[in-house]
Amino acid sequence: MRTALIYIGAAITEIGGCFAVWGWLRLGRPAWWLLPGLLSLTAFASLLTLADSDAAGRAYAAYGGIYIAASLAWLWTIEGARPDNWDITGAGVCLIGAALILWGPRG
């Protein structure tokens, strides 16, 4: 449960940070948007170090599935574009993959 909360927090901070840069470069937002974006991306990287994993690469790989699902939630809630069936199916496949990486039996 702790790792899931860390990944959710990481997803929110990563997407928020990246969206700040997107807003500046693509939506014409002011350059000061970069400051909270950079702080958010720093929080993202810090949060991932707290994930329960024996290797950074495994933590990042499992996080990828959470990131994809969170990105679609962002698409819907922040950008107002509803994900379609292919988006939802793809996110489900990614979450299954993340679960296998996180909780798969290791000898």
PDB file of N, CA and C in Angstrom:
ATOM      1  N   MET A   1       0.825  -1.195   0.000  1.00  0.00           N
ATOM      2  CA  MET A   1       0.000   0.000   0.000  1.00  0.00           C
ATOM      3  C   MET A   1       0.869   1.259   0.000  1.00  0.00           C
ATOM      4  N   ARG A   2       1.947   1.225   0.777  1.00  0.00           N
ATOM      5  CA  ARG A   2       2.849   2.370   0.859  1.00  0.00           C
ATOM      6  C   ARG A   2       3.446   2.678  -0.507  1.00  0.00           C
ATOM      7  N   THR A   3       3.879   1.643  -1.200  1.00  0.00           N
ATOM      8  CA  THR A   3       4.472   1.849  -2.524  1.00  0.00           C
ATOM      9  C   THR A   3       3.443   2.413  -3.492  1.00  0.00           C
ATOM     10  N   ALA A   4       2.210   1.947  -3.424  1.00  0.00           N
ATOM     11  CA  ALA A   4       1.162   2.481  -4.302  1.00  0.00           C
ATOM     12  C   ALA A   4       0.955   3.966  -4.049  1.00  0.00           C
ATOM     13  N   LEU A   5       0.937   4.376  -2.804  1.00  0.00           N
ATOM     14  CA  LEU A   5       0.781   5.798  -2.482  1.00  0.00           C
ATOM     15  C   LEU A   5       1.975   6.615  -2.966  1.00  0.00           C
ATOM     16  N   ILE A   6       3.163   6.051  -2.826  1.00  0.00           N
ATOM     17  CA  ILE A   6       4.355   6.735  -3.329  1.00  0.00           C
ATOM     18  C   ILE A   6       4.261   6.914  -4.829  1.00  0.00           C
ATOM     19  N   TYR A   7       3.853   5.868  -5.540  1.00  0.00           N
ATOM     20  CA  TYR A   7       3.735   5.952  -6.993  1.00  0.00           C
ATOM     21  C   TYR A   7       2.654   6.940  -7.426  1.00  0.00           C
ATOM     22  N   ILE A   8       1.561   6.987  -6.707  1.00  0.00           N
ATOM     23  CA  ILE A   8       0.511   7.953  -7.040  1.00  0.00           C
ATOM     24  C   ILE A   8       1.023   9.375  -6.832  1.00  0.00           C
ATOM     25  N   GLY A   9       1.701   9.606  -5.721  1.00  0.00           N
ATOM     26  CA  GLY A   9       2.298  10.922  -5.485  1.00  0.00           C
ATOM     27  C   GLY A   9       3.336  11.273  -6.534  1.00  0.00           C
ATOM     28  N   ALA A  10       4.143  10.287  -6.912  1.00  0.00           N
ATOM     29  CA  ALA A  10       5.152  10.508  -7.946  1.00  0.00           C
ATOM     30  C   ALA A  10       4.491  10.857  -9.275  1.00  0.00           C
ATOM     31  N   ALA A  11       3.416  10.171  -9.601  1.00  0.00           N
ATOM     32  CA  ALA A  11       2.726  10.444 -10.872  1.00  0.00           C
ATOM     33  C   ALA A  11       2.158  11.853 -10.893  1.00  0.00           C
ATOM     34  N   ILE A  12       1.528  12.257  -9.813  1.00  0.00           N
ATOM     35  CA  ILE A  12       0.950  13.602  -9.761  1.00  0.00           C
ATOM     36  C   ILE A  12       2.039  14.661  -9.895  1.00  0.00           C
ATOM     37  N   THR A  13       3.146  14.475  -9.184  1.00  0.00           N
ATOM     38  CA  THR A  13       4.205  15.481  -9.245  1.00  0.00           C
ATOM     39  C   THR A  13       4.926  15.471 -10.592  1.00  0.00           C
ATOM     40  N   GLU A  14       5.105  14.295 -11.185  1.00  0.00           N
ATOM     41  CA  GLU A  14       5.762  14.256 -12.496  1.00  0.00           C
ATOM     42  C   GLU A  14       4.883  14.877 -13.577  1.00  0.00           C
ATOM     43  N   ILE A  15       3.631  14.484 -13.610  1.00  0.00           N
ATOM     44  CA  ILE A  15       2.737  15.014 -14.631  1.00  0.00           C
ATOM     45  C   ILE A  15       2.551  16.516 -14.438  1.00  0.00           C
ATOM     46  N   GLY A  16       2.406  16.947 -13.199  1.00  0.00           N
ATOM     47  CA  GLY A  16       2.277  18.383 -12.929  1.00  0.00           C
ATOM     48  C   GLY A  16       3.505  19.163 -13.386  1.00  0.00           C
ATOM     49  N   GLY A  17       4.689  18.625 -13.093  1.00  0.00           N
ATOM     50  CA  GLY A  17       5.922  19.288 -13.517  1.00  0.00           C
ATOM     51  C   GLY A  17       6.061  19.340 -15.022  1.00  0.00           C
ATOM     52  N   CYS A  18       5.764  18.238 -15.662  1.00  0.00           N
ATOM     53  CA  CYS A  18       5.851  18.203 -17.128  1.00  0.00           C
ATOM     54  C   CYS A  18       4.797  19.109 -17.752  1.00  0.00           C
ATOM     55  N   PHE A  19       3.611  19.157 -17.148  1.00  0.00           N
ATOM     56  CA  PHE A  19       2.560  20.021 -17.684  1.00  0.00           C
ATOM     57  C   PHE A  19       2.941  21.493 -17.564  1.00  0.00           C
ATOM     58  N   ALA A  20       3.681  21.841 -16.532  1.00  0.00           N
ATOM     59  CA  ALA A  20       4.138  23.232 -16.398  1.00  0.00           C
ATOM     60  C   ALA A  20       5.028  23.607 -17.575  1.00  0.00           C
ATOM     61  N   VAL A  21       5.928  22.712 -17.962  1.00  0.00           N
ATOM     62  CA  VAL A  21       6.791  22.975 -19.125  1.00  0.00           C
ATOM     63  C   VAL A  21       5.943  23.002 -20.394  1.00  0.00           C
ATOM     64  N   TRP A  22       5.015  22.062 -20.520  1.00  0.00           N
ATOM     65  CA  TRP A  22       4.095  22.036 -21.677  1.00  0.00           C
ATOM     66  C   TRP A  22       3.333  23.372 -21.772  1.00  0.00           C
ATOM     67  N   GLY A  23       2.838  23.819 -20.626  1.00  0.00           N
ATOM     68  CA  GLY A  23       2.097  25.075 -20.604  1.00  0.00           C
ATOM     69  C   GLY A  23       2.932  26.243 -21.067  1.00  0.00           C
ATOM     70  N   TRP A  24       4.175  26.286 -20.629  1.00  0.00           N
ATOM     71  CA  TRP A  24       5.068  27.371 -21.026  1.00  0.00           C
ATOM     72  C   TRP A  24       5.394  27.311 -22.515  1.00  0.00           C
ATOM     73  N   LEU A  25       5.761  26.118 -22.996  1.00  0.00           N
ATOM     74  CA  LEU A  25       6.199  25.999 -24.389  1.00  0.00           C
ATOM     75  C   LEU A  25       5.047  25.906 -25.392  1.00  0.00           C
ATOM     76  N   ARG A  26       3.954  25.259 -25.019  1.00  0.00           N
ATOM     77  CA  ARG A  26       2.897  24.993 -25.992  1.00  0.00           C
ATOM     78  C   ARG A  26       1.645  25.838 -25.812  1.00  0.00           C
ATOM     79  N   LEU A  27       1.418  26.307 -24.579  1.00  0.00           N
ATOM     80  CA  LEU A  27       0.185  27.042 -24.315  1.00  0.00           C
ATOM     81  C   LEU A  27       0.412  28.525 -24.053  1.00  0.00           C
ATOM     82  N   GLY A  28       1.666  28.943 -24.147  1.00  0.00           N
ATOM     83  CA  GLY A  28       1.974  30.361 -23.978  1.00  0.00           C
ATOM     84  C   GLY A  28       1.887  30.873 -22.553  1.00  0.00           C
ATOM     85  N   ARG A  29       1.995  29.982 -21.582  1.00  0.00           N
ATOM     86  CA  ARG A  29       1.977  30.414 -20.186  1.00  0.00           C
ATOM     87  C   ARG A  29       3.288  31.141 -19.870  1.00  0.00           C
ATOM     88  N   PRO A  30       3.286  31.964 -18.820  1.00  0.00           N
ATOM     89  CA  PRO A  30       4.501  32.721 -18.486  1.00  0.00           C
ATOM     90  C   PRO A  30       5.643  31.806 -18.012  1.00  0.00           C
ATOM     91  N   ALA A  31       6.861  32.313 -18.155  1.00  0.00           N
ATOM     92  CA  ALA A  31       8.052  31.534 -17.799  1.00  0.00           C
ATOM     93  C   ALA A  31       8.084  31.154 -16.321  1.00  0.00           C
ATOM     94  N   TRP A  32       7.410  31.920 -15.460  1.00  0.00           N
ATOM     95  CA  TRP A  32       7.439  31.573 -14.039  1.00  0.00           C
ATOM     96  C   TRP A  32       6.777  30.223 -13.765  1.00  0.00           C
ATOM     97  N   TRP A  33       6.002  29.708 -14.728  1.00  0.00           N
ATOM     98  CA  TRP A  33       5.433  28.368 -14.580  1.00  0.00           C
ATOM     99  C   TRP A  33       6.527  27.314 -14.419  1.00  0.00           C
ATOM    100  N   LEU A  34       7.720  27.627 -14.906  1.00  0.00           N
ATOM    101  CA  LEU A  34       8.812  26.654 -14.825  1.00  0.00           C
ATOM    102  C   LEU A  34       9.264  26.402 -13.382  1.00  0.00           C
ATOM    103  N   LEU A  35       9.183  27.400 -12.528  1.00  0.00           N
ATOM    104  CA  LEU A  35       9.637  27.217 -11.144  1.00  0.00           C
ATOM    105  C   LEU A  35       8.822  26.163 -10.398  1.00  0.00           C
ATOM    106  N   PRO A  36       7.491  26.268 -10.328  1.00  0.00           N
ATOM    107  CA  PRO A  36       6.764  25.172  -9.667  1.00  0.00           C
ATOM    108  C   PRO A  36       6.919  23.850 -10.420  1.00  0.00           C
ATOM    109  N   GLY A  37       7.097  23.935 -11.743  1.00  0.00           N
ATOM    110  CA  GLY A  37       7.325  22.708 -12.512  1.00  0.00           C
ATOM    111  C   GLY A  37       8.600  22.007 -12.089  1.00  0.00           C
ATOM    112  N   LEU A  38       9.664  22.772 -11.931  1.00  0.00           N
ATOM    113  CA  LEU A  38      10.940  22.181 -11.506  1.00  0.00           C
ATOM    114  C   LEU A  38      10.854  21.637 -10.078  1.00  0.00           C
ATOM    115  N   LEU A  39      10.181  22.362  -9.212  1.00  0.00           N
ATOM    116  CA  LEU A  39       9.995  21.869  -7.841  1.00  0.00           C
ATOM    117  C   LEU A  39       9.184  20.575  -7.840  1.00  0.00           C
ATOM    118  N   SER A  40       8.183  20.531  -8.675  1.00  0.00           N
ATOM    119  CA  SER A  40       7.352  19.334  -8.772  1.00  0.00           C
ATOM    120  C   SER A  40       8.162  18.149  -9.295  1.00  0.00           C
ATOM    121  N   LEU A  41       8.991  18.378 -10.292  1.00  0.00           N
ATOM    122  CA  LEU A  41       9.816  17.292 -10.831  1.00  0.00           C
ATOM    123  C   LEU A  41      10.872  16.829  -9.827  1.00  0.00           C
ATOM    124  N   THR A  42      11.365  17.735  -9.004  1.00  0.00           N
ATOM    125  CA  THR A  42      12.295  17.346  -7.939  1.00  0.00           C
ATOM    126  C   THR A  42      11.581  16.468  -6.907  1.00  0.00           C
ATOM    127  N   ALA A  43      10.357  16.844  -6.562  1.00  0.00           N
ATOM    128  CA  ALA A  43       9.568  16.024  -5.629  1.00  0.00           C
ATOM    129  C   ALA A  43       9.312  14.643  -6.229  1.00  0.00           C
ATOM    130  N   PHE A  44       9.012  14.593  -7.523  1.00  0.00           N
ATOM    131  CA  PHE A  44       8.795  13.314  -8.207  1.00  0.00           C
ATOM    132  C   PHE A  44      10.005  12.400  -8.053  1.00  0.00           C
ATOM    133  N   ALA A  45      11.181  12.907  -8.394  1.00  0.00           N
ATOM    134  CA  ALA A  45      12.385  12.083  -8.335  1.00  0.00           C
ATOM    135  C   ALA A  45      12.667  11.630  -6.895  1.00  0.00           C
ATOM    136  N   SER A  46      12.413  12.506  -5.953  1.00  0.00           N
ATOM    137  CA  SER A  46      12.632  12.157  -4.546  1.00  0.00           C
ATOM    138  C   SER A  46      11.659  11.076  -4.082  1.00  0.00           C
ATOM    139  N   LEU A  47      10.408  11.189  -4.499  1.00  0.00           N
ATOM    140  CA  LEU A  47       9.416  10.190  -4.107  1.00  0.00           C
ATOM    141  C   LEU A  47       9.786   8.800  -4.608  1.00  0.00           C
ATOM    142  N   LEU A  48      10.284   8.708  -5.828  1.00  0.00           N
ATOM    143  CA  LEU A  48      10.620   7.381  -6.359  1.00  0.00           C
ATOM    144  C   LEU A  48      11.703   6.684  -5.556  1.00  0.00           C
ATOM    145  N   THR A  49      12.553   7.446  -4.875  1.00  0.00           N
ATOM    146  CA  THR A  49      13.589   6.804  -4.055  1.00  0.00           C
ATOM    147  C   THR A  49      12.998   6.108  -2.834  1.00  0.00           C
ATOM    148  N   LEU A  50      11.756   6.423  -2.499  1.00  0.00           N
ATOM    149  CA  LEU A  50      11.104   5.823  -1.330  1.00  0.00           C
ATOM    150  C   LEU A  50      10.383   4.513  -1.652  1.00  0.00           C
ATOM    151  N   ALA A  51      10.289   4.165  -2.917  1.00  0.00           N
ATOM    152  CA  ALA A  51       9.569   2.949  -3.317  1.00  0.00           C
ATOM    153  C   ALA A  51      10.290   1.707  -2.809  1.00  0.00           C
ATOM    154  N   ASP A  52       9.489   0.729  -2.374  1.00  0.00           N
ATOM    155  CA  ASP A  52      10.047  -0.531  -1.889  1.00  0.00           C
ATOM    156  C   ASP A  52      10.507  -1.367  -3.078  1.00  0.00           C
ATOM    157  N   SER A  53      11.789  -1.330  -3.350  1.00  0.00           N
ATOM    158  CA  SER A  53      12.356  -2.095  -4.458  1.00  0.00           C
ATOM    159  C   SER A  53      13.832  -2.317  -4.190  1.00  0.00           C
ATOM    160  N   ASP A  54      14.318  -3.441  -4.674  1.00  0.00           N
ATOM    161  CA  ASP A  54      15.733  -3.735  -4.483  1.00  0.00           C
ATOM    162  C   ASP A  54      16.605  -3.090  -5.552  1.00  0.00           C
ATOM    163  N   ALA A  55      15.982  -2.513  -6.578  1.00  0.00           N
ATOM    164  CA  ALA A  55      16.749  -1.893  -7.662  1.00  0.00           C
ATOM    165  C   ALA A  55      15.975  -0.714  -8.233  1.00  0.00           C
ATOM    166  N   ALA A  56      16.680   0.342  -8.564  1.00  0.00           N
ATOM    167  CA  ALA A  56      16.048   1.537  -9.116  1.00  0.00           C
ATOM    168  C   ALA A  56      15.309   1.223 -10.410  1.00  0.00           C
ATOM    169  N   GLY A  57      15.918   0.450 -11.281  1.00  0.00           N
ATOM    170  CA  GLY A  57      15.293   0.132 -12.560  1.00  0.00           C
ATOM    171  C   GLY A  57      13.957  -0.578 -12.399  1.00  0.00           C
ATOM    172  N   ARG A  58      13.861  -1.465 -11.429  1.00  0.00           N
ATOM    173  CA  ARG A  58      12.601  -2.164 -11.184  1.00  0.00           C
ATOM    174  C   ARG A  58      11.553  -1.192 -10.653  1.00  0.00           C
ATOM    175  N   ALA A  59      11.947  -0.308  -9.768  1.00  0.00           N
ATOM    176  CA  ALA A  59      11.015   0.696  -9.243  1.00  0.00           C
ATOM    177  C   ALA A  59      10.510   1.581 -10.373  1.00  0.00           C
ATOM    178  N   TYR A  60      11.398   1.997 -11.263  1.00  0.00           N
ATOM    179  CA  TYR A  60      11.004   2.865 -12.385  1.00  0.00           C
ATOM    180  C   TYR A  60      10.105   2.115 -13.364  1.00  0.00           C
ATOM    181  N   ALA A  61      10.414   0.860 -13.623  1.00  0.00           N
ATOM    182  CA  ALA A  61       9.619   0.075 -14.567  1.00  0.00           C
ATOM    183  C   ALA A  61       8.193  -0.109 -14.046  1.00  0.00           C
ATOM    184  N   ALA A  62       8.054  -0.458 -12.774  1.00  0.00           N
ATOM    185  CA  ALA A  62       6.719  -0.624 -12.193  1.00  0.00           C
ATOM    186  C   ALA A  62       5.983   0.711 -12.173  1.00  0.00           C
ATOM    187  N   TYR A  63       6.694   1.773 -11.884  1.00  0.00           N
ATOM    188  CA  TYR A  63       6.084   3.103 -11.866  1.00  0.00           C
ATOM    189  C   TYR A  63       5.518   3.478 -13.236  1.00  0.00           C
ATOM    190  N   GLY A  64       6.125   2.984 -14.295  1.00  0.00           N
ATOM    191  CA  GLY A  64       5.670   3.318 -15.641  1.00  0.00           C
ATOM    192  C   GLY A  64       4.196   3.013 -15.855  1.00  0.00           C
ATOM    193  N   GLY A  65       3.718   1.898 -15.348  1.00  0.00           N
ATOM    194  CA  GLY A  65       2.305   1.549 -15.480  1.00  0.00           C
ATOM    195  C   GLY A  65       1.408   2.520 -14.729  1.00  0.00           C
ATOM    196  N   ILE A  66       1.840   2.912 -13.543  1.00  0.00           N
ATOM    197  CA  ILE A  66       1.080   3.882 -12.752  1.00  0.00           C
ATOM    198  C   ILE A  66       1.062   5.221 -13.476  1.00  0.00           C
ATOM    199  N   TYR A  67       2.188   5.607 -14.050  1.00  0.00           N
ATOM    200  CA  TYR A  67       2.286   6.874 -14.769  1.00  0.00           C
ATOM    201  C   TYR A  67       1.312   6.919 -15.945  1.00  0.00           C
ATOM    202  N   ILE A  68       1.213   5.834 -16.677  1.00  0.00           N
ATOM    203  CA  ILE A  68       0.314   5.795 -17.831  1.00  0.00           C
ATOM    204  C   ILE A  68      -1.136   5.967 -17.384  1.00  0.00           C
ATOM    205  N   ALA A  69      -1.546   5.250 -16.369  1.00  0.00           N
ATOM    206  CA  ALA A  69      -2.919   5.379 -15.872  1.00  0.00           C
ATOM    207  C   ALA A  69      -3.174   6.786 -15.332  1.00  0.00           C
ATOM    208  N   ALA A  70      -2.209   7.329 -14.595  1.00  0.00           N
ATOM    209  CA  ALA A  70      -2.361   8.678 -14.043  1.00  0.00           C
ATOM    210  C   ALA A  70      -2.411   9.730 -15.146  1.00  0.00           C
ATOM    211  N   SER A  71      -1.660   9.516 -16.216  1.00  0.00           N
ATOM    212  CA  SER A  71      -1.689  10.459 -17.337  1.00  0.00           C
ATOM    213  C   SER A  71      -3.071  10.512 -17.970  1.00  0.00           C
ATOM    214  N   LEU A  72      -3.729   9.376 -18.064  1.00  0.00           N
ATOM    215  CA  LEU A  72      -5.081   9.355 -18.613  1.00  0.00           C
ATOM    216  C   LEU A  72      -6.080  10.006 -17.657  1.00  0.00           C
ATOM    217  N   ALA A  73      -5.863   9.842 -16.362  1.00  0.00           N
ATOM    218  CA  ALA A  73      -6.709  10.532 -15.382  1.00  0.00           C
ATOM    219  C   ALA A  73      -6.508  12.047 -15.504  1.00  0.00           C
ATOM    220  N   TRP A  74      -5.280  12.465 -15.707  1.00  0.00           N
ATOM    221  CA  TRP A  74      -4.972  13.888 -15.919  1.00  0.00           C
ATOM    222  C   TRP A  74      -5.669  14.394 -17.191  1.00  0.00           C
ATOM    223  N   LEU A  75      -5.567  13.612 -18.259  1.00  0.00           N
ATOM    224  CA  LEU A  75      -6.213  13.952 -19.522  1.00  0.00           C
ATOM    225  C   LEU A  75      -7.692  14.255 -19.296  1.00  0.00           C
ATOM    226  N   TRP A  76      -8.340  13.417 -18.514  1.00  0.00           N
ATOM    227  CA  TRP A  76      -9.771  13.545 -18.293  1.00  0.00           C
ATOM    228  C   TRP A  76     -10.101  14.689 -17.330  1.00  0.00           C
ATOM    229  N   THR A  77      -9.427  14.728 -16.167  1.00  0.00           N
ATOM    230  CA  THR A  77      -9.806  15.690 -15.130  1.00  0.00           C
ATOM    231  C   THR A  77      -9.269  17.099 -15.363  1.00  0.00           C
ATOM    232  N   ILE A  78      -8.074  17.214 -15.879  1.00  0.00           N
ATOM    233  CA  ILE A  78      -7.455  18.535 -16.043  1.00  0.00           C
ATOM    234  C   ILE A  78      -7.681  19.083 -17.447  1.00  0.00           C
ATOM    235  N   GLU A  79      -7.512  18.232 -18.455  1.00  0.00           N
ATOM    236  CA  GLU A  79      -7.626  18.697 -19.835  1.00  0.00           C
ATOM    237  C   GLU A  79      -9.024  18.527 -20.415  1.00  0.00           C
ATOM    238  N   GLY A  80      -9.883  17.813 -19.716  1.00  0.00           N
ATOM    239  CA  GLY A  80     -11.263  17.688 -20.135  1.00  0.00           C
ATOM    240  C   GLY A  80     -11.510  16.783 -21.333  1.00  0.00           C
ATOM    241  N   ALA A  81     -10.564  15.935 -21.677  1.00  0.00           N
ATOM    242  CA  ALA A  81     -10.729  14.983 -22.793  1.00  0.00           C
ATOM    243  C   ALA A  81     -10.890  13.587 -22.205  1.00  0.00           C
ATOM    244  N   ARG A  82     -12.017  12.976 -22.471  1.00  0.00           N
ATOM    245  CA  ARG A  82     -12.298  11.657 -21.906  1.00  0.00           C
ATOM    246  C   ARG A  82     -11.501  10.569 -22.630  1.00  0.00           C
ATOM    247  N   PRO A  83     -10.794   9.719 -21.869  1.00  0.00           N
ATOM    248  CA  PRO A  83     -10.084   8.599 -22.495  1.00  0.00           C
ATOM    249  C   PRO A  83     -11.070   7.655 -23.188  1.00  0.00           C
ATOM    250  N   ASP A  84     -10.638   7.089 -24.315  1.00  0.00           N
ATOM    251  CA  ASP A  84     -11.512   6.145 -25.016  1.00  0.00           C
ATOM    252  C   ASP A  84     -11.228   4.716 -24.545  1.00  0.00           C
ATOM    253  N   ASN A  85     -11.933   3.758 -25.128  1.00  0.00           N
ATOM    254  CA  ASN A  85     -11.788   2.360 -24.706  1.00  0.00           C
ATOM    255  C   ASN A  85     -10.372   1.838 -24.898  1.00  0.00           C
ATOM    256  N   TRP A  86      -9.697   2.265 -25.940  1.00  0.00           N
ATOM    257  CA  TRP A  86      -8.315   1.827 -26.169  1.00  0.00           C
ATOM    258  C   TRP A  86      -7.388   2.387 -25.099  1.00  0.00           C
ATOM    259  N   ASP A  87      -7.619   3.635 -24.694  1.00  0.00           N
ATOM    260  CA  ASP A  87      -6.825   4.220 -23.610  1.00  0.00           C
ATOM    261  C   ASP A  87      -7.002   3.420 -22.322  1.00  0.00           C
ATOM    262  N   ILE A  88      -8.250   3.138 -21.987  1.00  0.00           N
ATOM    263  CA  ILE A  88      -8.549   2.412 -20.745  1.00  0.00           C
ATOM    264  C   ILE A  88      -7.979   0.998 -20.784  1.00  0.00           C
ATOM    265  N   THR A  89      -8.142   0.322 -21.908  1.00  0.00           N
ATOM    266  CA  THR A  89      -7.606  -1.037 -22.044  1.00  0.00           C
ATOM    267  C   THR A  89      -6.082  -1.023 -21.933  1.00  0.00           C
ATOM    268  N   GLY A  90      -5.450  -0.090 -22.616  1.00  0.00           N
ATOM    269  CA  GLY A  90      -3.991   0.006 -22.553  1.00  0.00           C
ATOM    270  C   GLY A  90      -3.495   0.282 -21.145  1.00  0.00           C
ATOM    271  N   ALA A  91      -4.178   1.170 -20.434  1.00  0.00           N
ATOM    272  CA  ALA A  91      -3.791   1.468 -19.050  1.00  0.00           C
ATOM    273  C   ALA A  91      -3.961   0.238 -18.170  1.00  0.00           C
ATOM    274  N   GLY A  92      -5.034  -0.523 -18.388  1.00  0.00           N
ATOM    275  CA  GLY A  92      -5.238  -1.750 -17.617  1.00  0.00           C
ATOM    276  C   GLY A  92      -4.119  -2.743 -17.832  1.00  0.00           C
ATOM    277  N   VAL A  93      -3.702  -2.913 -19.080  1.00  0.00           N
ATOM    278  CA  VAL A  93      -2.590  -3.817 -19.393  1.00  0.00           C
ATOM    279  C   VAL A  93      -1.322  -3.337 -18.687  1.00  0.00           C
ATOM    280  N   CYS A  94      -1.098  -2.035 -18.706  1.00  0.00           N
ATOM    281  CA  CYS A  94       0.098  -1.489 -18.055  1.00  0.00           C
ATOM    282  C   CYS A  94       0.068  -1.687 -16.543  1.00  0.00           C
ATOM    283  N   LEU A  95      -1.103  -1.532 -15.943  1.00  0.00           N
ATOM    284  CA  LEU A  95      -1.214  -1.741 -14.497  1.00  0.00           C
ATOM    285  C   LEU A  95      -0.990  -3.200 -14.126  1.00  0.00           C
ATOM    286  N   ILE A  96      -1.449  -4.107 -14.963  1.00  0.00           N
ATOM    287  CA  ILE A  96      -1.170  -5.533 -14.732  1.00  0.00           C
ATOM    288  C   ILE A  96       0.336  -5.771 -14.810  1.00  0.00           C
ATOM    289  N   GLY A  97       0.972  -5.165 -15.803  1.00  0.00           N
ATOM    290  CA  GLY A  97       2.422  -5.291 -15.923  1.00  0.00           C
ATOM    291  C   GLY A  97       3.147  -4.728 -14.715  1.00  0.00           C
ATOM    292  N   ALA A  98       2.699  -3.579 -14.227  1.00  0.00           N
ATOM    293  CA  ALA A  98       3.318  -2.974 -13.045  1.00  0.00           C
ATOM    294  C   ALA A  98       3.160  -3.894 -11.831  1.00  0.00           C
ATOM    295  N   ALA A  99       1.985  -4.496 -11.683  1.00  0.00           N
ATOM    296  CA  ALA A  99       1.753  -5.414 -10.562  1.00  0.00           C
ATOM    297  C   ALA A  99       2.673  -6.631 -10.652  1.00  0.00           C
ATOM    298  N   LEU A 100       2.849  -7.153 -11.860  1.00  0.00           N
ATOM    299  CA  LEU A 100       3.756  -8.293 -12.022  1.00  0.00           C
ATOM    300  C   LEU A 100       5.183  -7.920 -11.646  1.00  0.00           C
ATOM    301  N   ILE A 101       5.608  -6.737 -12.051  1.00  0.00           N
ATOM    302  CA  ILE A 101       6.972  -6.294 -11.720  1.00  0.00           C
ATOM    303  C   ILE A 101       7.115  -6.104 -10.215  1.00  0.00           C
ATOM    304  N   LEU A 102       6.127  -5.481  -9.590  1.00  0.00           N
ATOM    305  CA  LEU A 102       6.211  -5.199  -8.164  1.00  0.00           C
ATOM    306  C   LEU A 102       6.093  -6.434  -7.295  1.00  0.00           C
ATOM    307  N   TRP A 103       5.122  -7.289  -7.615  1.00  0.00           N
ATOM    308  CA  TRP A 103       4.775  -8.367  -6.691  1.00  0.00           C
ATOM    309  C   TRP A 103       5.040  -9.763  -7.222  1.00  0.00           C
ATOM    310  N   GLY A 104       5.666  -9.860  -8.381  1.00  0.00           N
ATOM    311  CA  GLY A 104       5.989 -11.173  -8.911  1.00  0.00           C
ATOM    312  C   GLY A 104       6.959 -11.919  -7.993  1.00  0.00           C
ATOM    313  N   PRO A 105       6.795 -13.235  -7.873  1.00  0.00           N
ATOM    314  CA  PRO A 105       7.687 -13.998  -6.996  1.00  0.00           C
ATOM    315  C   PRO A 105       9.129 -13.984  -7.513  1.00  0.00           C
ATOM    316  N   ARG A 106      10.036 -13.748  -6.621  1.00  0.00           N
ATOM    317  CA  ARG A 106      11.451 -13.730  -6.975  1.00  0.00           C
ATOM    318  C   ARG A 106      12.177 -14.709  -6.054  1.00  0.00           C
ATOM    319  N   GLY A 107      13.090 -15.427  -6.640  1.00  0.00           N
ATOM    320  CA  GLY A 107      13.801 -16.433  -5.854  1.00  0.00           C
ATOM    321  C   GLY A 107      15.095 -15.922  -5.460  1.00  0.00           C
TER     322      GLY A 107
END
